[in-house]
């Protein structure tokens, strides 16, 4: 008797997986267990957000926090912060170079 392989449920449901596939023809993007570089870029970003800025902040409302995070990303992280992965250039510089 052959057994069907079991599809792992990594951080999301089968229902959500079917929705992505059926409605958008898009596979879900979920890192594999034990493979640290799958989400290294996101980990790096959230580490910078928390360590460089967020740990010193207190917000009265979620709305104010959301606006402040967007301001950090668009005003500092993308426009002024140098990134070693970009050859010590800003994401905006790299993006502008890519478009030209």
N, C-alpha and C. Protein backbone atom coordinates (compact mmCIF):
# COMPACT_ATOMS: atom_id res chain seq x y z
N UNK A 1 0.84 -1.17 0.00
CA UNK A 1 0.00 0.00 0.00
C UNK A 1 0.89 1.24 0.00
N UNK A 2 0.65 2.17 -0.93
CA UNK A 2 1.40 3.43 -1.00
C UNK A 2 0.76 4.47 -0.11
N UNK A 3 1.60 5.19 0.57
CA UNK A 3 1.09 6.26 1.43
C UNK A 3 1.33 7.60 0.74
N UNK A 4 0.37 8.48 0.80
CA UNK A 4 0.50 9.82 0.24
C UNK A 4 1.40 10.63 1.17
N UNK A 5 2.32 11.44 0.60
CA UNK A 5 3.13 12.29 1.46
C UNK A 5 2.26 13.32 2.17
N UNK A 6 2.61 13.59 3.39
CA UNK A 6 1.87 14.57 4.17
C UNK A 6 2.44 15.95 3.88
N UNK A 7 1.57 16.87 3.49
CA UNK A 7 1.99 18.24 3.22
C UNK A 7 2.18 18.97 4.55
N UNK A 8 3.37 19.51 4.81
CA UNK A 8 3.58 20.18 6.10
C UNK A 8 2.76 21.45 6.21
N UNK A 9 2.32 21.77 7.40
CA UNK A 9 1.56 22.99 7.66
C UNK A 9 2.51 23.98 8.34
N UNK A 10 3.30 24.64 7.53
CA UNK A 10 4.26 25.60 8.06
C UNK A 10 3.64 26.97 8.21
N UNK A 11 3.26 27.33 9.40
CA UNK A 11 2.84 28.68 9.75
C UNK A 11 1.58 29.16 9.04
N UNK A 12 0.86 28.30 8.38
CA UNK A 12 -0.36 28.74 7.72
C UNK A 12 -1.26 27.54 7.51
N UNK A 13 -2.49 27.78 7.17
CA UNK A 13 -3.45 26.70 7.04
C UNK A 13 -3.58 26.21 5.60
N UNK A 14 -4.12 25.01 5.47
CA UNK A 14 -4.39 24.47 4.14
C UNK A 14 -5.43 25.33 3.42
N UNK A 15 -6.39 25.86 4.17
CA UNK A 15 -7.42 26.71 3.57
C UNK A 15 -6.80 27.96 2.95
N UNK A 16 -5.89 28.59 3.66
CA UNK A 16 -5.20 29.76 3.13
C UNK A 16 -4.36 29.40 1.90
N UNK A 17 -3.70 28.25 1.95
CA UNK A 17 -2.92 27.76 0.82
C UNK A 17 -3.80 27.58 -0.42
N UNK A 18 -4.96 26.97 -0.24
CA UNK A 18 -5.89 26.78 -1.36
C UNK A 18 -6.37 28.12 -1.90
N UNK A 19 -6.64 29.07 -1.01
CA UNK A 19 -7.09 30.40 -1.43
C UNK A 19 -6.03 31.08 -2.30
N UNK A 20 -4.79 31.05 -1.88
CA UNK A 20 -3.72 31.65 -2.67
C UNK A 20 -3.59 30.99 -4.04
N UNK A 21 -3.67 29.68 -4.03
CA UNK A 21 -3.51 28.94 -5.28
C UNK A 21 -4.69 29.17 -6.23
N UNK A 22 -5.90 29.07 -5.71
CA UNK A 22 -7.10 29.16 -6.54
C UNK A 22 -7.35 30.59 -7.03
N UNK A 23 -7.31 31.54 -6.12
CA UNK A 23 -7.67 32.91 -6.49
C UNK A 23 -6.55 33.67 -7.19
N UNK A 24 -5.31 33.45 -6.76
CA UNK A 24 -4.19 34.25 -7.27
C UNK A 24 -3.14 33.44 -8.04
N UNK A 25 -3.32 32.13 -8.10
CA UNK A 25 -2.33 31.24 -8.74
C UNK A 25 -0.92 31.51 -8.19
N UNK A 26 -0.85 31.59 -6.87
CA UNK A 26 0.39 31.98 -6.20
C UNK A 26 0.72 30.98 -5.09
N UNK A 27 1.94 30.43 -5.09
CA UNK A 27 2.32 29.55 -3.99
C UNK A 27 2.65 30.38 -2.75
N UNK A 28 2.40 29.81 -1.60
CA UNK A 28 2.75 30.53 -0.36
C UNK A 28 4.27 30.52 -0.18
N UNK A 29 4.76 31.53 0.45
CA UNK A 29 6.19 31.63 0.69
C UNK A 29 6.44 31.47 2.17
N UNK A 30 6.87 30.30 2.56
CA UNK A 30 7.14 30.01 3.96
C UNK A 30 8.47 29.28 4.02
N UNK A 31 9.35 29.77 4.87
CA UNK A 31 10.66 29.16 4.99
C UNK A 31 10.60 27.73 5.50
N UNK A 32 11.62 26.97 5.18
CA UNK A 32 11.71 25.60 5.64
C UNK A 32 12.29 25.56 7.05
N UNK A 33 11.90 24.60 7.80
CA UNK A 33 12.40 24.43 9.16
C UNK A 33 13.91 24.21 9.15
N UNK A 34 14.61 24.94 9.99
CA UNK A 34 16.04 24.76 10.14
C UNK A 34 16.90 25.41 9.09
N UNK A 35 16.30 26.22 8.20
CA UNK A 35 17.07 26.90 7.16
C UNK A 35 17.02 28.39 7.46
N UNK A 36 18.07 28.87 8.10
CA UNK A 36 18.05 30.23 8.64
C UNK A 36 18.06 31.32 7.59
N UNK A 37 18.62 31.07 6.41
CA UNK A 37 18.73 32.15 5.44
C UNK A 37 17.44 32.39 4.67
N UNK A 38 16.42 31.56 4.84
CA UNK A 38 15.15 31.78 4.16
C UNK A 38 14.55 33.13 4.52
N UNK A 39 14.70 33.55 5.75
CA UNK A 39 14.10 34.81 6.17
C UNK A 39 15.15 35.79 6.70
N UNK A 40 16.37 35.64 6.27
CA UNK A 40 17.45 36.49 6.80
C UNK A 40 17.23 37.96 6.52
N UNK A 41 16.71 38.31 5.34
CA UNK A 41 16.50 39.71 5.02
C UNK A 41 15.44 40.33 5.93
N UNK A 42 14.36 39.63 6.15
CA UNK A 42 13.31 40.14 7.04
C UNK A 42 13.83 40.24 8.47
N UNK A 43 14.57 39.24 8.91
CA UNK A 43 15.14 39.28 10.27
C UNK A 43 16.07 40.47 10.42
N UNK A 44 16.88 40.74 9.42
CA UNK A 44 17.79 41.87 9.46
C UNK A 44 17.03 43.19 9.56
N UNK A 45 15.98 43.33 8.74
CA UNK A 45 15.19 44.55 8.77
C UNK A 45 14.54 44.76 10.14
N UNK A 46 13.86 43.73 10.65
CA UNK A 46 13.18 43.89 11.94
C UNK A 46 14.17 44.08 13.08
N UNK A 47 15.35 43.49 12.97
CA UNK A 47 16.39 43.74 13.97
C UNK A 47 16.81 45.19 13.98
N UNK A 48 17.02 45.75 12.79
CA UNK A 48 17.39 47.16 12.69
C UNK A 48 16.28 48.04 13.21
N UNK A 49 15.05 47.76 12.83
CA UNK A 49 13.91 48.55 13.28
C UNK A 49 13.84 48.57 14.80
N UNK A 50 13.95 47.41 15.42
CA UNK A 50 13.84 47.35 16.88
C UNK A 50 15.06 47.93 17.58
N UNK A 51 16.25 47.54 17.16
CA UNK A 51 17.46 47.95 17.88
C UNK A 51 17.86 49.39 17.63
N UNK A 52 17.67 49.88 16.42
CA UNK A 52 18.10 51.24 16.11
C UNK A 52 17.07 52.29 16.49
N UNK A 53 15.82 51.89 16.65
CA UNK A 53 14.82 52.93 16.79
C UNK A 53 13.66 52.58 17.70
N UNK A 54 13.00 51.47 17.47
CA UNK A 54 11.73 51.19 18.12
C UNK A 54 11.82 51.00 19.63
N UNK A 55 12.92 50.45 20.11
CA UNK A 55 13.03 50.19 21.55
C UNK A 55 12.98 51.45 22.40
N UNK A 56 13.24 52.60 21.81
CA UNK A 56 13.22 53.87 22.55
C UNK A 56 11.89 54.58 22.47
N UNK A 57 10.91 54.02 21.77
CA UNK A 57 9.66 54.70 21.51
C UNK A 57 8.51 54.17 22.35
N UNK A 58 7.59 55.07 22.68
CA UNK A 58 6.33 54.72 23.34
C UNK A 58 5.23 55.41 22.54
N UNK A 59 4.20 54.67 22.19
CA UNK A 59 3.13 55.21 21.37
C UNK A 59 1.81 55.17 22.11
N UNK A 60 1.02 56.22 21.94
CA UNK A 60 -0.28 56.30 22.59
C UNK A 60 -1.32 55.43 21.90
N UNK A 61 -1.20 55.29 20.59
CA UNK A 61 -2.17 54.49 19.85
C UNK A 61 -1.45 53.66 18.79
N UNK A 62 -2.14 52.65 18.30
CA UNK A 62 -1.60 51.81 17.23
C UNK A 62 -1.44 52.63 15.96
N UNK A 63 -2.36 53.53 15.71
CA UNK A 63 -2.30 54.38 14.52
C UNK A 63 -1.05 55.26 14.53
N UNK A 64 -0.74 55.82 15.68
CA UNK A 64 0.48 56.65 15.79
C UNK A 64 1.74 55.81 15.61
N UNK A 65 1.72 54.61 16.13
CA UNK A 65 2.86 53.70 15.95
C UNK A 65 3.04 53.35 14.48
N UNK A 66 1.95 53.05 13.81
CA UNK A 66 2.01 52.69 12.39
C UNK A 66 2.58 53.84 11.56
N UNK A 67 2.10 55.07 11.80
CA UNK A 67 2.61 56.24 11.06
C UNK A 67 4.09 56.46 11.34
N UNK A 68 4.50 56.27 12.58
CA UNK A 68 5.90 56.48 12.94
C UNK A 68 6.81 55.43 12.29
N UNK A 69 6.34 54.18 12.21
CA UNK A 69 7.13 53.13 11.57
C UNK A 69 7.28 53.42 10.07
N UNK A 70 6.20 53.84 9.43
CA UNK A 70 6.28 54.20 8.01
C UNK A 70 7.24 55.36 7.82
N UNK A 71 7.18 56.33 8.70
CA UNK A 71 8.10 57.48 8.60
C UNK A 71 9.55 57.02 8.78
N UNK A 72 9.81 56.09 9.69
CA UNK A 72 11.16 55.56 9.87
C UNK A 72 11.64 54.85 8.60
N UNK A 73 10.77 54.02 8.04
CA UNK A 73 11.16 53.25 6.86
C UNK A 73 11.40 54.18 5.67
N UNK A 74 10.44 55.05 5.39
CA UNK A 74 10.55 55.91 4.21
C UNK A 74 11.50 57.09 4.41
N UNK A 75 11.59 57.59 5.63
CA UNK A 75 12.43 58.77 5.87
C UNK A 75 13.88 58.47 6.20
N UNK A 76 14.12 57.33 6.85
CA UNK A 76 15.49 57.01 7.25
C UNK A 76 16.01 55.73 6.61
N UNK A 77 15.31 54.61 6.84
CA UNK A 77 15.83 53.30 6.44
C UNK A 77 16.08 53.22 4.94
N UNK A 78 15.16 53.70 4.13
CA UNK A 78 15.31 53.60 2.67
C UNK A 78 16.11 54.74 2.06
N UNK A 79 16.18 55.88 2.72
CA UNK A 79 16.78 57.07 2.11
C UNK A 79 18.13 57.48 2.67
N UNK A 80 18.40 57.15 3.94
CA UNK A 80 19.66 57.61 4.53
C UNK A 80 20.53 56.51 5.12
N UNK A 81 19.93 55.41 5.55
CA UNK A 81 20.70 54.34 6.19
C UNK A 81 21.50 53.56 5.15
N UNK A 82 22.80 53.44 5.38
CA UNK A 82 23.66 52.68 4.48
C UNK A 82 23.55 51.19 4.81
N UNK A 83 23.49 50.36 3.78
CA UNK A 83 23.32 48.92 3.95
C UNK A 83 24.54 48.20 3.38
N UNK A 84 25.15 47.36 4.19
CA UNK A 84 26.33 46.64 3.73
C UNK A 84 26.00 45.74 2.54
N UNK A 85 24.81 45.15 2.51
CA UNK A 85 24.43 44.28 1.40
C UNK A 85 24.29 45.05 0.09
N UNK A 86 24.15 46.36 0.18
CA UNK A 86 24.03 47.22 -1.01
C UNK A 86 25.33 47.94 -1.32
N UNK A 87 26.43 47.45 -0.81
CA UNK A 87 27.71 48.13 -1.04
C UNK A 87 27.77 49.46 -0.31
N UNK A 88 27.19 49.51 0.88
CA UNK A 88 27.13 50.71 1.71
C UNK A 88 26.47 51.88 0.97
N UNK A 89 25.38 51.53 0.29
CA UNK A 89 24.52 52.54 -0.33
C UNK A 89 23.12 52.36 0.25
N UNK A 90 22.27 53.35 0.06
CA UNK A 90 20.90 53.27 0.56
C UNK A 90 20.06 52.45 -0.41
N UNK A 91 18.96 51.89 0.07
CA UNK A 91 18.05 51.19 -0.84
C UNK A 91 17.54 52.10 -1.96
N UNK A 92 17.31 53.35 -1.66
CA UNK A 92 16.85 54.28 -2.70
C UNK A 92 17.89 54.45 -3.79
N UNK A 93 19.16 54.55 -3.44
CA UNK A 93 20.22 54.66 -4.44
C UNK A 93 20.27 53.41 -5.33
N UNK A 94 20.17 52.26 -4.72
CA UNK A 94 20.22 51.01 -5.48
C UNK A 94 18.99 50.91 -6.40
N UNK A 95 17.84 51.28 -5.89
CA UNK A 95 16.62 51.22 -6.69
C UNK A 95 16.68 52.20 -7.86
N UNK A 96 17.16 53.40 -7.60
CA UNK A 96 17.29 54.41 -8.66
C UNK A 96 18.26 53.93 -9.74
N UNK A 97 19.37 53.33 -9.31
CA UNK A 97 20.33 52.79 -10.27
C UNK A 97 19.71 51.67 -11.10
N UNK A 98 18.92 50.83 -10.47
CA UNK A 98 18.27 49.73 -11.16
C UNK A 98 17.30 50.25 -12.23
N UNK A 99 16.58 51.33 -11.93
CA UNK A 99 15.60 51.86 -12.87
C UNK A 99 16.25 52.58 -14.05
N UNK A 100 17.48 53.04 -13.89
CA UNK A 100 18.12 53.78 -15.00
C UNK A 100 19.00 52.93 -15.87
